[in-house]
Amino acid sequence: MPAYGFFVEFEAKPGKEDDVAQFLVDAKSLVDAEPGTLAWFGFRLGPSSFRIFDAFETEEDREAHLQGEVRRQIELRGDELFAVPPTITPVGVLAAKLPPH
């Protein structure tokens, strides 16, 4: 069971909402290349509010993801896409249901 995760909050700049949505769609292929990322969800809460939730079995896998390609793309495109810097909150996963791996 994954014990570690991140909850990431994004707020799109006005007029960049569709670009942030596409950014999350495109980020999925980057996450697919990370064997330690067990679950990853990019979702929209409202017109300009977006979130990511992801989960990992080990702290090392979580740290590898934090230093990975998605984070690099967030940093590269942040000024273009986001009204404020994303908030990245580490979380402890208490319960989960995932397909067997």
PDB file of N, CA and C in Angstrom:
ATOM      1  N   MET A   1       0.839  -1.190   0.000  1.00  0.00           N
ATOM      2  CA  MET A   1       0.000   0.000   0.000  1.00  0.00           C
ATOM      3  C   MET A   1       0.875   1.241   0.000  1.00  0.00           C
ATOM      4  N   PRO A   2       0.488   2.240  -0.782  1.00  0.00           N
ATOM      5  CA  PRO A   2       1.261   3.483  -0.738  1.00  0.00           C
ATOM      6  C   PRO A   2       1.097   4.168   0.612  1.00  0.00           C
ATOM      7  N   ALA A   3       2.189   4.630   1.155  1.00  0.00           N
ATOM      8  CA  ALA A   3       2.152   5.312   2.442  1.00  0.00           C
ATOM      9  C   ALA A   3       2.437   6.804   2.317  1.00  0.00           C
ATOM     10  N   TYR A   4       2.908   7.231   1.150  1.00  0.00           N
ATOM     11  CA  TYR A   4       3.349   8.606   0.946  1.00  0.00           C
ATOM     12  C   TYR A   4       2.657   9.210  -0.260  1.00  0.00           C
ATOM     13  N   GLY A   5       2.443  10.514  -0.212  1.00  0.00           N
ATOM     14  CA  GLY A   5       1.825  11.175  -1.351  1.00  0.00           C
ATOM     15  C   GLY A   5       2.139  12.651  -1.383  1.00  0.00           C
ATOM     16  N   PHE A   6       1.621  13.290  -2.415  1.00  0.00           N
ATOM     17  CA  PHE A   6       1.639  14.741  -2.545  1.00  0.00           C
ATOM     18  C   PHE A   6       0.247  15.198  -2.944  1.00  0.00           C
ATOM     19  N   PHE A   7      -0.144  16.344  -2.426  1.00  0.00           N
ATOM     20  CA  PHE A   7      -1.334  17.056  -2.868  1.00  0.00           C
ATOM     21  C   PHE A   7      -0.827  18.399  -3.363  1.00  0.00           C
ATOM     22  N   VAL A   8      -1.039  18.681  -4.635  1.00  0.00           N
ATOM     23  CA  VAL A   8      -0.489  19.886  -5.267  1.00  0.00           C
ATOM     24  C   VAL A   8      -1.641  20.750  -5.748  1.00  0.00           C
ATOM     25  N   GLU A   9      -1.586  22.028  -5.407  1.00  0.00           N
ATOM     26  CA  GLU A   9      -2.641  22.970  -5.759  1.00  0.00           C
ATOM     27  C   GLU A   9      -2.127  23.990  -6.768  1.00  0.00           C
ATOM     28  N   PHE A  10      -2.896  24.171  -7.855  1.00  0.00           N
ATOM     29  CA  PHE A  10      -2.568  25.115  -8.921  1.00  0.00           C
ATOM     30  C   PHE A  10      -3.723  26.073  -9.127  1.00  0.00           C
ATOM     31  N   GLU A  11      -3.407  27.317  -9.390  1.00  0.00           N
ATOM     32  CA  GLU A  11      -4.403  28.299  -9.792  1.00  0.00           C
ATOM     33  C   GLU A  11      -3.912  28.903 -11.105  1.00  0.00           C
ATOM     34  N   ALA A  12      -4.700  28.724 -12.168  1.00  0.00           N
ATOM     35  CA  ALA A  12      -4.303  29.208 -13.489  1.00  0.00           C
ATOM     36  C   ALA A  12      -4.400  30.726 -13.571  1.00  0.00           C
ATOM     37  N   LYS A  13      -3.495  31.316 -14.343  1.00  0.00           N
ATOM     38  CA  LYS A  13      -3.611  32.732 -14.666  1.00  0.00           C
ATOM     39  C   LYS A  13      -4.856  32.929 -15.523  1.00  0.00           C
ATOM     40  N   PRO A  14      -5.475  34.086 -15.438  1.00  0.00           N
ATOM     41  CA  PRO A  14      -6.626  34.357 -16.303  1.00  0.00           C
ATOM     42  C   PRO A  14      -6.257  34.133 -17.777  1.00  0.00           C
ATOM     43  N   GLY A  15      -7.103  33.397 -18.468  1.00  0.00           N
ATOM     44  CA  GLY A  15      -6.866  33.094 -19.873  1.00  0.00           C
ATOM     45  C   GLY A  15      -5.971  31.889 -20.113  1.00  0.00           C
ATOM     46  N   LYS A  16      -5.409  31.305 -19.056  1.00  0.00           N
ATOM     47  CA  LYS A  16      -4.502  30.157 -19.185  1.00  0.00           C
ATOM     48  C   LYS A  16      -5.118  28.852 -18.690  1.00  0.00           C
ATOM     49  N   GLU A  17      -6.408  28.862 -18.418  1.00  0.00           N
ATOM     50  CA  GLU A  17      -7.068  27.686 -17.847  1.00  0.00           C
ATOM     51  C   GLU A  17      -6.945  26.463 -18.757  1.00  0.00           C
ATOM     52  N   ASP A  18      -7.193  26.639 -20.041  1.00  0.00           N
ATOM     53  CA  ASP A  18      -7.080  25.501 -20.966  1.00  0.00           C
ATOM     54  C   ASP A  18      -5.642  25.021 -21.086  1.00  0.00           C
ATOM     55  N   ASP A  19      -4.691  25.951 -20.995  1.00  0.00           N
ATOM     56  CA  ASP A  19      -3.272  25.575 -21.056  1.00  0.00           C
ATOM     57  C   ASP A  19      -2.864  24.754 -19.832  1.00  0.00           C
ATOM     58  N   VAL A  20      -3.378  25.117 -18.658  1.00  0.00           N
ATOM     59  CA  VAL A  20      -3.069  24.340 -17.450  1.00  0.00           C
ATOM     60  C   VAL A  20      -3.703  22.955 -17.555  1.00  0.00           C
ATOM     61  N   ALA A  21      -4.929  22.886 -18.050  1.00  0.00           N
ATOM     62  CA  ALA A  21      -5.567  21.576 -18.232  1.00  0.00           C
ATOM     63  C   ALA A  21      -4.729  20.706 -19.168  1.00  0.00           C
ATOM     64  N   GLN A  22      -4.265  21.271 -20.272  1.00  0.00           N
ATOM     65  CA  GLN A  22      -3.433  20.504 -21.209  1.00  0.00           C
ATOM     66  C   GLN A  22      -2.089  20.138 -20.585  1.00  0.00           C
ATOM     67  N   PHE A  23      -1.547  21.026 -19.776  1.00  0.00           N
ATOM     68  CA  PHE A  23      -0.300  20.747 -19.063  1.00  0.00           C
ATOM     69  C   PHE A  23      -0.448  19.472 -18.230  1.00  0.00           C
ATOM     70  N   LEU A  24      -1.573  19.348 -17.526  1.00  0.00           N
ATOM     71  CA  LEU A  24      -1.785  18.156 -16.699  1.00  0.00           C
ATOM     72  C   LEU A  24      -1.979  16.909 -17.552  1.00  0.00           C
ATOM     73  N   VAL A  25      -2.709  17.038 -18.646  1.00  0.00           N
ATOM     74  CA  VAL A  25      -2.872  15.897 -19.558  1.00  0.00           C
ATOM     75  C   VAL A  25      -1.505  15.448 -20.070  1.00  0.00           C
ATOM     76  N   ASP A  26      -0.683  16.389 -20.481  1.00  0.00           N
ATOM     77  CA  ASP A  26       0.646  16.066 -21.013  1.00  0.00           C
ATOM     78  C   ASP A  26       1.578  15.512 -19.933  1.00  0.00           C
ATOM     79  N   ALA A  27       1.423  15.974 -18.691  1.00  0.00           N
ATOM     80  CA  ALA A  27       2.293  15.523 -17.598  1.00  0.00           C
ATOM     81  C   ALA A  27       2.127  14.029 -17.321  1.00  0.00           C
ATOM     82  N   LYS A  28       0.977  13.478 -17.654  1.00  0.00           N
ATOM     83  CA  LYS A  28       0.737  12.057 -17.387  1.00  0.00           C
ATOM     84  C   LYS A  28       1.776  11.177 -18.063  1.00  0.00           C
ATOM     85  N   SER A  29       2.174  11.527 -19.289  1.00  0.00           N
ATOM     86  CA  SER A  29       3.187  10.710 -19.984  1.00  0.00           C
ATOM     87  C   SER A  29       4.535  10.780 -19.272  1.00  0.00           C
ATOM     88  N   LEU A  30       4.844  11.899 -18.627  1.00  0.00           N
ATOM     89  CA  LEU A  30       6.084  12.004 -17.858  1.00  0.00           C
ATOM     90  C   LEU A  30       6.027  11.108 -16.622  1.00  0.00           C
ATOM     91  N   VAL A  31       4.880  11.078 -15.980  1.00  0.00           N
ATOM     92  CA  VAL A  31       4.696  10.257 -14.779  1.00  0.00           C
ATOM     93  C   VAL A  31       4.716   8.774 -15.133  1.00  0.00           C
ATOM     94  N   ASP A  32       4.223   8.430 -16.327  1.00  0.00           N
ATOM     95  CA  ASP A  32       4.248   7.027 -16.757  1.00  0.00           C
ATOM     96  C   ASP A  32       5.659   6.455 -16.748  1.00  0.00           C
ATOM     97  N   ALA A  33       6.659   7.302 -16.905  1.00  0.00           N
ATOM     98  CA  ALA A  33       8.055   6.848 -16.936  1.00  0.00           C
ATOM     99  C   ALA A  33       8.659   6.698 -15.539  1.00  0.00           C
ATOM    100  N   GLU A  34       7.881   6.951 -14.496  1.00  0.00           N
ATOM    101  CA  GLU A  34       8.367   6.865 -13.118  1.00  0.00           C
ATOM    102  C   GLU A  34       7.848   5.586 -12.453  1.00  0.00           C
ATOM    103  N   PRO A  35       8.666   4.567 -12.346  1.00  0.00           N
ATOM    104  CA  PRO A  35       8.179   3.313 -11.775  1.00  0.00           C
ATOM    105  C   PRO A  35       7.748   3.426 -10.316  1.00  0.00           C
ATOM    106  N   GLY A  36       8.268   4.386  -9.588  1.00  0.00           N
ATOM    107  CA  GLY A  36       7.920   4.523  -8.175  1.00  0.00           C
ATOM    108  C   GLY A  36       6.627   5.271  -7.915  1.00  0.00           C
ATOM    109  N   THR A  37       6.040   5.875  -8.953  1.00  0.00           N
ATOM    110  CA  THR A  37       4.769   6.575  -8.780  1.00  0.00           C
ATOM    111  C   THR A  37       3.645   5.561  -9.004  1.00  0.00           C
ATOM    112  N   LEU A  38       2.970   5.177  -7.918  1.00  0.00           N
ATOM    113  CA  LEU A  38       1.943   4.137  -7.979  1.00  0.00           C
ATOM    114  C   LEU A  38       0.607   4.654  -8.493  1.00  0.00           C
ATOM    115  N   ALA A  39       0.279   5.888  -8.130  1.00  0.00           N
ATOM    116  CA  ALA A  39      -0.986   6.491  -8.557  1.00  0.00           C
ATOM    117  C   ALA A  39      -0.732   7.969  -8.796  1.00  0.00           C
ATOM    118  N   TRP A  40      -1.380   8.506  -9.818  1.00  0.00           N
ATOM    119  CA  TRP A  40      -1.237   9.921 -10.153  1.00  0.00           C
ATOM    120  C   TRP A  40      -2.548  10.397 -10.758  1.00  0.00           C
ATOM    121  N   PHE A  41      -3.067  11.468 -10.207  1.00  0.00           N
ATOM    122  CA  PHE A  41      -4.316  12.051 -10.689  1.00  0.00           C
ATOM    123  C   PHE A  41      -4.131  13.546 -10.871  1.00  0.00           C
ATOM    124  N   GLY A  42      -4.427  14.043 -12.051  1.00  0.00           N
ATOM    125  CA  GLY A  42      -4.496  15.474 -12.302  1.00  0.00           C
ATOM    126  C   GLY A  42      -5.958  15.813 -12.513  1.00  0.00           C
ATOM    127  N   PHE A  43      -6.474  16.804 -11.790  1.00  0.00           N
ATOM    128  CA  PHE A  43      -7.898  17.100 -11.913  1.00  0.00           C
ATOM    129  C   PHE A  43      -8.191  18.582 -11.741  1.00  0.00           C
ATOM    130  N   ARG A  44      -9.405  18.947 -12.163  1.00  0.00           N
ATOM    131  CA  ARG A  44      -9.873  20.319 -12.129  1.00  0.00           C
ATOM    132  C   ARG A  44     -10.965  20.437 -11.066  1.00  0.00           C
ATOM    133  N   LEU A  45     -10.853  21.475 -10.213  1.00  0.00           N
ATOM    134  CA  LEU A  45     -11.869  21.723  -9.187  1.00  0.00           C
ATOM    135  C   LEU A  45     -12.855  22.805  -9.596  1.00  0.00           C
ATOM    136  N   GLY A  46     -12.448  23.689 -10.434  1.00  0.00           N
ATOM    137  CA  GLY A  46     -13.287  24.800 -10.862  1.00  0.00           C
ATOM    138  C   GLY A  46     -12.686  25.411 -12.105  1.00  0.00           C
ATOM    139  N   PRO A  47     -13.206  26.530 -12.552  1.00  0.00           N
ATOM    140  CA  PRO A  47     -12.743  27.112 -13.812  1.00  0.00           C
ATOM    141  C   PRO A  47     -11.232  27.334 -13.883  1.00  0.00           C
ATOM    142  N   SER A  48     -10.622  27.754 -12.769  1.00  0.00           N
ATOM    143  CA  SER A  48      -9.185  28.039 -12.803  1.00  0.00           C
ATOM    144  C   SER A  48      -8.394  27.286 -11.739  1.00  0.00           C
ATOM    145  N   SER A  49      -9.045  26.387 -11.016  1.00  0.00           N
ATOM    146  CA  SER A  49      -8.394  25.643  -9.925  1.00  0.00           C
ATOM    147  C   SER A  49      -8.137  24.200 -10.333  1.00  0.00           C
ATOM    148  N   PHE A  50      -6.890  23.782 -10.173  1.00  0.00           N
ATOM    149  CA  PHE A  50      -6.452  22.441 -10.570  1.00  0.00           C
ATOM    150  C   PHE A  50      -5.681  21.815  -9.420  1.00  0.00           C
ATOM    151  N   ARG A  51      -5.647  20.478  -9.409  1.00  0.00           N
ATOM    152  CA  ARG A  51      -4.921  19.751  -8.366  1.00  0.00           C
ATOM    153  C   ARG A  51      -4.266  18.518  -8.963  1.00  0.00           C
ATOM    154  N   ILE A  52      -3.240  18.041  -8.257  1.00  0.00           N
ATOM    155  CA  ILE A  52      -2.624  16.739  -8.506  1.00  0.00           C
ATOM    156  C   ILE A  52      -2.608  16.004  -7.174  1.00  0.00           C
ATOM    157  N   PHE A  53      -2.928  14.722  -7.222  1.00  0.00           N
ATOM    158  CA  PHE A  53      -2.673  13.833  -6.089  1.00  0.00           C
ATOM    159  C   PHE A  53      -1.884  12.660  -6.626  1.00  0.00           C
ATOM    160  N   ASP A  54      -0.800  12.312  -5.955  1.00  0.00           N
ATOM    161  CA  ASP A  54      -0.028  11.140  -6.343  1.00  0.00           C
ATOM    162  C   ASP A  54       0.411  10.377  -5.112  1.00  0.00           C
ATOM    163  N   ALA A  55       0.756   9.100  -5.311  1.00  0.00           N
ATOM    164  CA  ALA A  55       1.056   8.220  -4.181  1.00  0.00           C
ATOM    165  C   ALA A  55       2.249   7.324  -4.488  1.00  0.00           C
ATOM    166  N   PHE A  56       2.975   6.984  -3.403  1.00  0.00           N
ATOM    167  CA  PHE A  56       4.245   6.252  -3.497  1.00  0.00           C
ATOM    168  C   PHE A  56       4.364   5.289  -2.318  1.00  0.00           C
ATOM    169  N   GLU A  57       5.094   4.186  -2.522  1.00  0.00           N
ATOM    170  CA  GLU A  57       5.317   3.235  -1.426  1.00  0.00           C
ATOM    171  C   GLU A  57       6.398   3.700  -0.467  1.00  0.00           C
ATOM    172  N   THR A  58       7.401   4.417  -0.984  1.00  0.00           N
ATOM    173  CA  THR A  58       8.531   4.801  -0.136  1.00  0.00           C
ATOM    174  C   THR A  58       8.783   6.301  -0.210  1.00  0.00           C
ATOM    175  N   GLU A  59       9.433   6.796   0.814  1.00  0.00           N
ATOM    176  CA  GLU A  59       9.852   8.196   0.820  1.00  0.00           C
ATOM    177  C   GLU A  59      10.835   8.464  -0.320  1.00  0.00           C
ATOM    178  N   GLU A  60      11.668   7.482  -0.644  1.00  0.00           N
ATOM    179  CA  GLU A  60      12.635   7.642  -1.735  1.00  0.00           C
ATOM    180  C   GLU A  60      11.922   7.822  -3.075  1.00  0.00           C
ATOM    181  N   ASP A  61      10.849   7.048  -3.301  1.00  0.00           N
ATOM    182  CA  ASP A  61      10.073   7.210  -4.534  1.00  0.00           C
ATOM    183  C   ASP A  61       9.407   8.580  -4.585  1.00  0.00           C
ATOM    184  N   ARG A  62       8.890   9.028  -3.451  1.00  0.00           N
ATOM    185  CA  ARG A  62       8.256  10.350  -3.409  1.00  0.00           C
ATOM    186  C   ARG A  62       9.284  11.438  -3.702  1.00  0.00           C
ATOM    187  N   GLU A  63      10.460  11.315  -3.130  1.00  0.00           N
ATOM    188  CA  GLU A  63      11.511  12.318  -3.356  1.00  0.00           C
ATOM    189  C   GLU A  63      11.976  12.307  -4.806  1.00  0.00           C
ATOM    190  N   ALA A  64      12.093  11.124  -5.398  1.00  0.00           N
ATOM    191  CA  ALA A  64      12.483  11.025  -6.813  1.00  0.00           C
ATOM    192  C   ALA A  64      11.454  11.731  -7.694  1.00  0.00           C
ATOM    193  N   HIS A  65      10.186  11.542  -7.394  1.00  0.00           N
ATOM    194  CA  HIS A  65       9.133  12.218  -8.158  1.00  0.00           C
ATOM    195  C   HIS A  65       9.226  13.735  -7.965  1.00  0.00           C
ATOM    196  N   LEU A  66       9.449  14.163  -6.734  1.00  0.00           N
ATOM    197  CA  LEU A  66       9.542  15.598  -6.437  1.00  0.00           C
ATOM    198  C   LEU A  66      10.659  16.262  -7.234  1.00  0.00           C
ATOM    199  N   GLN A  67      11.723  15.519  -7.476  1.00  0.00           N
ATOM    200  CA  GLN A  67      12.863  16.061  -8.233  1.00  0.00           C
ATOM    201  C   GLN A  67      12.783  15.714  -9.720  1.00  0.00           C
ATOM    202  N   GLY A  68      11.666  15.163 -10.163  1.00  0.00           N
ATOM    203  CA  GLY A  68      11.541  14.639 -11.517  1.00  0.00           C
ATOM    204  C   GLY A  68      11.116  15.646 -12.569  1.00  0.00           C
ATOM    205  N   GLU A  69      10.733  15.102 -13.702  1.00  0.00           N
ATOM    206  CA  GLU A  69      10.445  15.893 -14.890  1.00  0.00           C
ATOM    207  C   GLU A  69       9.194  16.752 -14.747  1.00  0.00           C
ATOM    208  N   VAL A  70       8.171  16.281 -14.063  1.00  0.00           N
ATOM    209  CA  VAL A  70       6.970  17.103 -13.888  1.00  0.00           C
ATOM    210  C   VAL A  70       7.316  18.358 -13.097  1.00  0.00           C
ATOM    211  N   ARG A  71       8.072  18.200 -12.036  1.00  0.00           N
ATOM    212  CA  ARG A  71       8.494  19.366 -11.243  1.00  0.00           C
ATOM    213  C   ARG A  71       9.300  20.330 -12.102  1.00  0.00           C
ATOM    214  N   ARG A  72      10.175  19.803 -12.936  1.00  0.00           N
ATOM    215  CA  ARG A  72      10.973  20.656 -13.812  1.00  0.00           C
ATOM    216  C   ARG A  72      10.075  21.442 -14.762  1.00  0.00           C
ATOM    217  N   GLN A  73       9.053  20.792 -15.306  1.00  0.00           N
ATOM    218  CA  GLN A  73       8.133  21.477 -16.213  1.00  0.00           C
ATOM    219  C   GLN A  73       7.301  22.529 -15.473  1.00  0.00           C
ATOM    220  N   ILE A  74       6.915  22.240 -14.239  1.00  0.00           N
ATOM    221  CA  ILE A  74       6.203  23.233 -13.424  1.00  0.00           C
ATOM    222  C   ILE A  74       7.076  24.462 -13.239  1.00  0.00           C
ATOM    223  N   GLU A  75       8.346  24.250 -12.945  1.00  0.00           N
ATOM    224  CA  GLU A  75       9.255  25.375 -12.743  1.00  0.00           C
ATOM    225  C   GLU A  75       9.508  26.137 -14.041  1.00  0.00           C
ATOM    226  N   LEU A  76       9.648  25.424 -15.157  1.00  0.00           N
ATOM    227  CA  LEU A  76       9.900  26.075 -16.443  1.00  0.00           C
ATOM    228  C   LEU A  76       8.717  26.908 -16.918  1.00  0.00           C
ATOM    229  N   ARG A  77       7.505  26.426 -16.678  1.00  0.00           N
ATOM    230  CA  ARG A  77       6.316  27.074 -17.236  1.00  0.00           C
ATOM    231  C   ARG A  77       5.485  27.818 -16.197  1.00  0.00           C
ATOM    232  N   GLY A  78       5.954  27.828 -14.965  1.00  0.00           N
ATOM    233  CA  GLY A  78       5.170  28.417 -13.886  1.00  0.00           C
ATOM    234  C   GLY A  78       4.776  29.858 -14.108  1.00  0.00           C
ATOM    235  N   ASP A  79       5.711  30.701 -14.516  1.00  0.00           N
ATOM    236  CA  ASP A  79       5.398  32.120 -14.719  1.00  0.00           C
ATOM    237  C   ASP A  79       4.374  32.312 -15.827  1.00  0.00           C
ATOM    238  N   GLU A  80       4.395  31.446 -16.812  1.00  0.00           N
ATOM    239  CA  GLU A  80       3.458  31.520 -17.935  1.00  0.00           C
ATOM    240  C   GLU A  80       2.050  31.074 -17.536  1.00  0.00           C
ATOM    241  N   LEU A  81       1.945  30.016 -16.730  1.00  0.00           N
ATOM    242  CA  LEU A  81       0.664  29.357 -16.504  1.00  0.00           C
ATOM    243  C   LEU A  81      -0.044  29.700 -15.200  1.00  0.00           C
ATOM    244  N   PHE A  82       0.697  29.934 -14.130  1.00  0.00           N
ATOM    245  CA  PHE A  82       0.096  29.944 -12.798  1.00  0.00           C
ATOM    246  C   PHE A  82       0.029  31.346 -12.197  1.00  0.00           C
ATOM    247  N   ALA A  83      -1.123  31.637 -11.559  1.00  0.00           N
ATOM    248  CA  ALA A  83      -1.331  32.936 -10.920  1.00  0.00           C
ATOM    249  C   ALA A  83      -0.419  33.108  -9.709  1.00  0.00           C
ATOM    250  N   VAL A  84      -0.180  32.022  -9.007  1.00  0.00           N
ATOM    251  CA  VAL A  84       0.720  31.987  -7.851  1.00  0.00           C
ATOM    252  C   VAL A  84       1.512  30.685  -7.952  1.00  0.00           C
ATOM    253  N   PRO A  85       2.666  30.598  -7.314  1.00  0.00           N
ATOM    254  CA  PRO A  85       3.399  29.328  -7.356  1.00  0.00           C
ATOM    255  C   PRO A  85       2.538  28.189  -6.788  1.00  0.00           C
ATOM    256  N   PRO A  86       2.601  27.013  -7.406  1.00  0.00           N
ATOM    257  CA  PRO A  86       1.840  25.867  -6.884  1.00  0.00           C
ATOM    258  C   PRO A  86       2.230  25.544  -5.446  1.00  0.00           C
ATOM    259  N   THR A  87       1.264  25.083  -4.689  1.00  0.00           N
ATOM    260  CA  THR A  87       1.499  24.631  -3.324  1.00  0.00           C
ATOM    261  C   THR A  87       1.650  23.116  -3.361  1.00  0.00           C
ATOM    262  N   ILE A  88       2.797  22.619  -2.916  1.00  0.00           N
ATOM    263  CA  ILE A  88       3.079  21.182  -2.899  1.00  0.00           C
ATOM    264  C   ILE A  88       3.104  20.735  -1.441  1.00  0.00           C
ATOM    265  N   THR A  89       2.132  19.900  -1.070  1.00  0.00           N
ATOM    266  CA  THR A  89       2.008  19.453   0.314  1.00  0.00           C
ATOM    267  C   THR A  89       2.249  17.949   0.389  1.00  0.00           C
ATOM    268  N   PRO A  90       3.293  17.516   1.102  1.00  0.00           N
ATOM    269  CA  PRO A  90       3.474  16.080   1.333  1.00  0.00           C
ATOM    270  C   PRO A  90       2.359  15.575   2.255  1.00  0.00           C
ATOM    271  N   VAL A  91       1.854  14.389   1.963  1.00  0.00           N
ATOM    272  CA  VAL A  91       0.792  13.805   2.789  1.00  0.00           C
ATOM    273  C   VAL A  91       1.158  12.362   3.125  1.00  0.00           C
ATOM    274  N   GLY A  92       0.611  11.895   4.222  1.00  0.00           N
ATOM    275  CA  GLY A  92       0.695  10.490   4.592  1.00  0.00           C
ATOM    276  C   GLY A  92      -0.604   9.811   4.184  1.00  0.00           C
ATOM    277  N   VAL A  93      -0.514   8.738   3.422  1.00  0.00           N
ATOM    278  CA  VAL A  93      -1.698   8.015   2.962  1.00  0.00           C
ATOM    279  C   VAL A  93      -2.110   7.036   4.057  1.00  0.00           C
ATOM    280  N   LEU A  94      -3.353   7.149   4.515  1.00  0.00           N
ATOM    281  CA  LEU A  94      -3.857   6.306   5.581  1.00  0.00           C
ATOM    282  C   LEU A  94      -4.553   5.050   5.069  1.00  0.00           C
ATOM    283  N   ALA A  95      -5.200   5.149   3.910  1.00  0.00           N
ATOM    284  CA  ALA A  95      -5.908   4.016   3.332  1.00  0.00           C
ATOM    285  C   ALA A  95      -5.960   4.218   1.824  1.00  0.00           C
ATOM    286  N   ALA A  96      -5.937   3.136   1.072  1.00  0.00           N
ATOM    287  CA  ALA A  96      -5.959   3.237  -0.390  1.00  0.00           C
ATOM    288  C   ALA A  96      -6.518   1.957  -0.990  1.00  0.00           C
ATOM    289  N   LYS A  97      -7.103   2.101  -2.154  1.00  0.00           N
ATOM    290  CA  LYS A  97      -7.509   0.937  -2.950  1.00  0.00           C
ATOM    291  C   LYS A  97      -6.950   1.169  -4.342  1.00  0.00           C
ATOM    292  N   LEU A  98      -6.046   0.305  -4.737  1.00  0.00           N
ATOM    293  CA  LEU A  98      -5.420   0.376  -6.038  1.00  0.00           C
ATOM    294  C   LEU A  98      -5.473  -0.999  -6.684  1.00  0.00           C
ATOM    295  N   PRO A  99      -5.421  -1.055  -8.018  1.00  0.00           N
ATOM    296  CA  PRO A  99      -5.330  -2.375  -8.639  1.00  0.00           C
ATOM    297  C   PRO A  99      -4.017  -3.049  -8.251  1.00  0.00           C
ATOM    298  N   PRO A 100      -3.976  -4.362  -8.249  1.00  0.00           N
ATOM    299  CA  PRO A 100      -2.718  -5.053  -7.938  1.00  0.00           C
ATOM    300  C   PRO A 100      -1.640  -4.677  -8.952  1.00  0.00           C
ATOM    301  N   HIS A 101      -0.409  -4.609  -8.486  1.00  0.00           N
ATOM    302  CA  HIS A 101       0.701  -4.305  -9.420  1.00  0.00           C
ATOM    303  C   HIS A 101       1.752  -5.380  -9.397  1.00  0.00           C
TER     304      HIS A 101
END
